[in-house]
Amino acid sequence: MTLTEAPVVRPVRPRPLPIVVLRILLPTFAAVVALAVVVTATFSSLHGAPGPAPATRPIELVGPRMIGEDSKKRPFVITATTAEREEGSNRIRLSSPILIRSQGGADQMRVTAATGVYDEAAGRLELSGDVRLAGPSGAFATPSAVYDAKSGEVLGTGINAAANAGQLQAGSFAVKDRGKSVIYKGGVHTRLNVK
């Protein structure tokens, strides 16, 4: 009979407290992180993909000044309180625009309005809101007008004109020949002041 040695039994040492705490905290932290990822993914899928970023606001110019010349070599200047280019176009929105053609000349014309849009490609200034014209032919008031920067003509609708000689109302008008000729159409009514 052989004698075998009895196995050596070592006493179990208690684990230090930091290891016990870490064995509990690390799995708990991992479970919380996994839960947060699942909740975030679910919330994002329920609310859909984020919408497009808001469009950037166009650049606004304060006190712009545009200078040009019409086909008859008459200079014109367009100023405004503010200007803002329409996105992706040649159109410029103007606040309180002022057009002066042939400044200081015998056929000087001044046009003011509440708002306007200048189309650079077409060479047109569209004016609206309390449009007032003053030139060699007299003073005019109209709700809207268009200045063709290429030909130098001004076209408008619903005119109410006043001059020293009297008053005039018409459905439309066209200022031509350097302001020396004005054509009125549509229900023209005049009142002459006799001296």
Protein backbone atom coordinates (compact mmCIF):
# COMPACT_ATOMS: atom_id res chain seq x y z
CA MET A 1 0.00 0.00 0.00
CA THR A 2 1.29 3.38 -0.98
CA LEU A 3 0.82 6.31 1.03
CA THR A 4 -0.11 9.45 -0.77
CA GLU A 5 0.23 12.80 0.60
CA ALA A 6 -2.88 14.68 1.44
CA PRO A 7 -3.50 17.74 -0.73
CA VAL A 8 -2.37 21.00 0.71
CA VAL A 9 -5.27 23.26 1.46
CA ARG A 10 -4.48 26.91 1.60
CA PRO A 11 -6.66 29.24 3.53
CA VAL A 12 -8.80 31.62 1.41
CA ARG A 13 -7.77 35.20 1.84
CA PRO A 14 -10.49 37.81 1.64
CA ARG A 15 -10.21 40.15 -1.42
CA PRO A 16 -9.36 43.77 -0.80
CA LEU A 17 -12.36 46.14 -0.78
CA PRO A 18 -11.36 48.13 -3.95
CA ILE A 19 -11.38 44.97 -6.06
CA VAL A 20 -14.81 43.97 -4.75
CA VAL A 21 -16.18 47.43 -5.54
CA LEU A 22 -14.68 47.43 -9.05
CA ARG A 23 -16.10 43.97 -9.80
CA ILE A 24 -19.56 45.42 -9.14
CA LEU A 25 -19.16 48.92 -10.65
CA LEU A 26 -17.52 48.05 -14.00
CA PRO A 27 -20.22 45.65 -15.23
CA THR A 28 -22.90 48.10 -14.02
CA PHE A 29 -21.23 50.98 -15.93
CA ALA A 30 -20.98 48.85 -19.09
CA ALA A 31 -24.69 48.01 -18.86
CA VAL A 32 -25.63 51.71 -18.44
CA VAL A 33 -23.55 52.70 -21.51
CA ALA A 34 -25.12 49.94 -23.61
CA LEU A 35 -28.60 51.05 -22.53
CA ALA A 36 -27.80 54.69 -23.41
CA VAL A 37 -26.68 53.67 -26.93
CA VAL A 38 -29.88 51.68 -27.48
CA VAL A 39 -32.10 54.54 -26.22
CA THR A 40 -30.30 57.13 -28.40
CA ALA A 41 -30.57 54.95 -31.52
CA THR A 42 -34.27 54.33 -30.88
CA PHE A 43 -34.99 58.02 -30.26
CA SER A 44 -33.14 59.06 -33.45
CA SER A 45 -35.01 56.53 -35.60
CA LEU A 46 -38.38 57.67 -34.24
CA HIS A 47 -37.72 61.33 -35.00
CA GLY A 48 -36.21 60.73 -38.45
CA ALA A 49 -33.05 62.12 -39.90
CA PRO A 50 -32.20 65.70 -39.05
CA GLY A 51 -33.58 68.25 -41.53
CA PRO A 52 -31.38 70.32 -43.78
CA ALA A 53 -29.36 73.00 -42.11
CA PRO A 54 -31.08 76.38 -42.22
CA ALA A 55 -30.10 78.46 -45.24
CA THR A 56 -27.56 81.10 -44.60
CA ARG A 57 -28.91 84.59 -44.66
CA PRO A 58 -27.91 86.57 -47.75
CA ILE A 59 -25.47 89.39 -47.31
CA GLU A 60 -27.17 92.73 -46.73
CA LEU A 61 -25.46 95.89 -47.94
CA VAL A 62 -26.11 99.18 -46.19
CA GLY A 63 -26.17 102.31 -48.37
CA PRO A 64 -25.41 100.62 -51.74
CA ARG A 65 -24.67 102.73 -54.82
CA MET A 66 -25.00 101.35 -58.35
CA ILE A 67 -23.79 103.45 -61.28
CA GLY A 68 -24.58 102.86 -64.95
CA GLU A 69 -25.31 104.40 -68.32
CA ASP A 70 -28.28 103.88 -70.64
CA SER A 71 -28.09 103.37 -74.43
CA LYS A 72 -28.20 107.14 -74.98
CA LYS A 73 -25.07 107.60 -72.82
CA ARG A 74 -27.04 109.18 -69.97
CA PRO A 75 -25.58 108.30 -66.57
CA PHE A 76 -27.80 107.01 -63.80
CA VAL A 77 -27.24 106.29 -60.12
CA ILE A 78 -29.34 103.93 -57.99
CA THR A 79 -28.97 104.21 -54.23
CA ALA A 80 -30.94 102.59 -51.41
CA THR A 81 -31.05 102.27 -47.65
CA THR A 82 -30.21 98.55 -47.89
CA ALA A 83 -29.73 95.96 -50.65
CA GLU A 84 -29.90 92.18 -50.60
CA ARG A 85 -29.20 89.85 -53.54
CA GLU A 86 -31.79 87.12 -54.15
CA GLU A 87 -30.12 83.73 -53.80
CA GLY A 88 -29.04 82.24 -57.12
CA SER A 89 -30.16 85.16 -59.29
CA ASN A 90 -29.10 88.55 -60.66
CA ARG A 91 -31.92 90.30 -58.80
CA ILE A 92 -31.14 92.72 -55.97
CA ARG A 93 -33.87 93.71 -53.49
CA LEU A 94 -33.70 97.38 -52.51
CA SER A 95 -35.19 99.22 -49.56
CA SER A 96 -36.12 102.88 -50.17
CA PRO A 97 -34.44 103.05 -53.60
CA ILE A 98 -33.64 106.37 -55.30
CA LEU A 99 -32.90 106.59 -59.02
CA ILE A 100 -31.31 109.74 -60.42
CA ARG A 101 -30.73 109.94 -64.16
CA SER A 102 -28.59 112.68 -65.75
CA GLN A 103 -27.83 114.28 -62.38
CA GLY A 104 -27.29 118.02 -62.76
CA GLY A 105 -28.31 117.93 -66.45
CA ALA A 106 -31.25 119.64 -68.16
CA ASP A 107 -33.15 116.36 -68.38
CA GLN A 108 -32.45 115.20 -64.80
CA MET A 109 -35.03 112.75 -63.50
CA ARG A 110 -35.42 111.58 -59.89
CA VAL A 111 -37.50 108.56 -58.91
CA THR A 112 -38.11 107.37 -55.33
CA ALA A 113 -40.07 104.39 -53.98
CA ALA A 114 -40.62 102.32 -50.86
CA THR A 115 -39.13 99.14 -52.35
CA GLY A 116 -37.50 98.01 -55.54
CA VAL A 117 -35.84 95.12 -57.33
CA TYR A 118 -32.95 95.70 -59.73
CA ASP A 119 -32.34 92.95 -62.29
CA GLU A 120 -28.73 93.31 -63.41
CA ALA A 121 -29.04 90.94 -66.37
CA ALA A 122 -32.17 92.62 -67.78
CA GLY A 123 -31.11 96.14 -66.78
CA ARG A 124 -34.49 96.82 -65.18
CA LEU A 125 -35.40 98.54 -61.93
CA GLU A 126 -38.88 97.56 -60.72
CA LEU A 127 -40.23 100.07 -58.19
CA SER A 128 -43.29 99.76 -55.98
CA GLY A 129 -44.94 101.52 -53.07
CA ASP A 130 -45.46 105.29 -53.23
CA VAL A 131 -43.38 105.78 -56.39
CA ARG A 132 -42.65 109.45 -57.10
CA LEU A 133 -41.06 110.83 -60.25
CA ALA A 134 -39.78 114.35 -60.79
CA GLY A 135 -38.31 115.55 -64.07
CA PRO A 136 -38.58 118.16 -66.83
CA SER A 137 -42.16 117.06 -67.56
CA GLY A 138 -43.36 117.64 -63.99
CA ALA A 139 -43.99 115.54 -60.90
CA PHE A 140 -45.75 112.16 -60.90
CA ALA A 141 -47.09 109.75 -58.30
CA THR A 142 -47.82 106.12 -59.15
CA PRO A 143 -48.14 102.85 -57.23
CA SER A 144 -45.48 101.13 -59.36
CA ALA A 145 -43.03 101.86 -62.17
CA VAL A 146 -40.28 100.17 -64.16
CA TYR A 147 -37.08 101.90 -65.24
CA ASP A 148 -35.40 100.31 -68.24
CA ALA A 149 -31.72 101.08 -67.68
CA LYS A 150 -30.88 100.14 -71.27
CA SER A 151 -33.32 102.48 -73.04
CA GLY A 152 -33.73 105.03 -70.24
CA GLU A 153 -37.53 104.79 -70.39
CA VAL A 154 -39.84 104.75 -67.39
CA LEU A 155 -43.12 102.84 -67.56
CA GLY A 156 -45.84 102.82 -64.93
CA THR A 157 -49.49 102.24 -64.11
CA GLY A 158 -52.15 104.24 -62.31
CA ILE A 159 -50.52 107.65 -62.58
CA ASN A 160 -51.52 110.81 -60.76
CA ALA A 161 -49.47 113.73 -62.10
CA ALA A 162 -49.33 117.33 -60.94
CA ALA A 163 -47.62 120.26 -62.60
CA ASN A 164 -47.96 124.04 -62.64
CA ALA A 165 -50.45 123.79 -65.51
CA GLY A 166 -52.83 121.39 -63.72
CA GLN A 167 -53.40 117.74 -62.83
CA LEU A 168 -53.64 114.53 -64.81
CA GLN A 169 -54.78 110.97 -64.11
CA ALA A 170 -54.22 107.98 -66.38
CA GLY A 171 -54.15 104.19 -66.34
CA SER A 172 -50.53 104.01 -67.53
CA PHE A 173 -47.67 106.21 -68.69
CA ALA A 174 -44.33 106.02 -70.48
CA VAL A 175 -41.56 108.63 -70.14
CA LYS A 176 -39.50 108.80 -73.34
CA ASP A 177 -37.11 111.08 -75.23
CA ARG A 178 -35.00 112.08 -72.24
CA GLY A 179 -38.07 112.96 -70.24
CA LYS A 180 -39.33 115.46 -72.83
CA SER A 181 -42.10 113.15 -73.99
CA VAL A 182 -44.65 111.43 -71.76
CA ILE A 183 -47.31 109.15 -73.24
CA TYR A 184 -50.49 108.60 -71.18
CA LYS A 185 -52.97 105.76 -71.84
CA GLY A 186 -56.13 104.34 -70.30
CA GLY A 187 -58.83 106.65 -68.95
CA VAL A 188 -56.84 109.86 -69.19
CA HIS A 189 -58.42 112.75 -67.24
CA THR A 190 -56.90 116.23 -67.04
CA ARG A 191 -57.63 119.46 -65.22
CA LEU A 192 -55.93 122.58 -66.47
CA ASN A 193 -55.27 125.63 -64.32
CA VAL A 194 -56.17 128.73 -66.33
CA LYS A 195 -54.41 131.90 -65.28
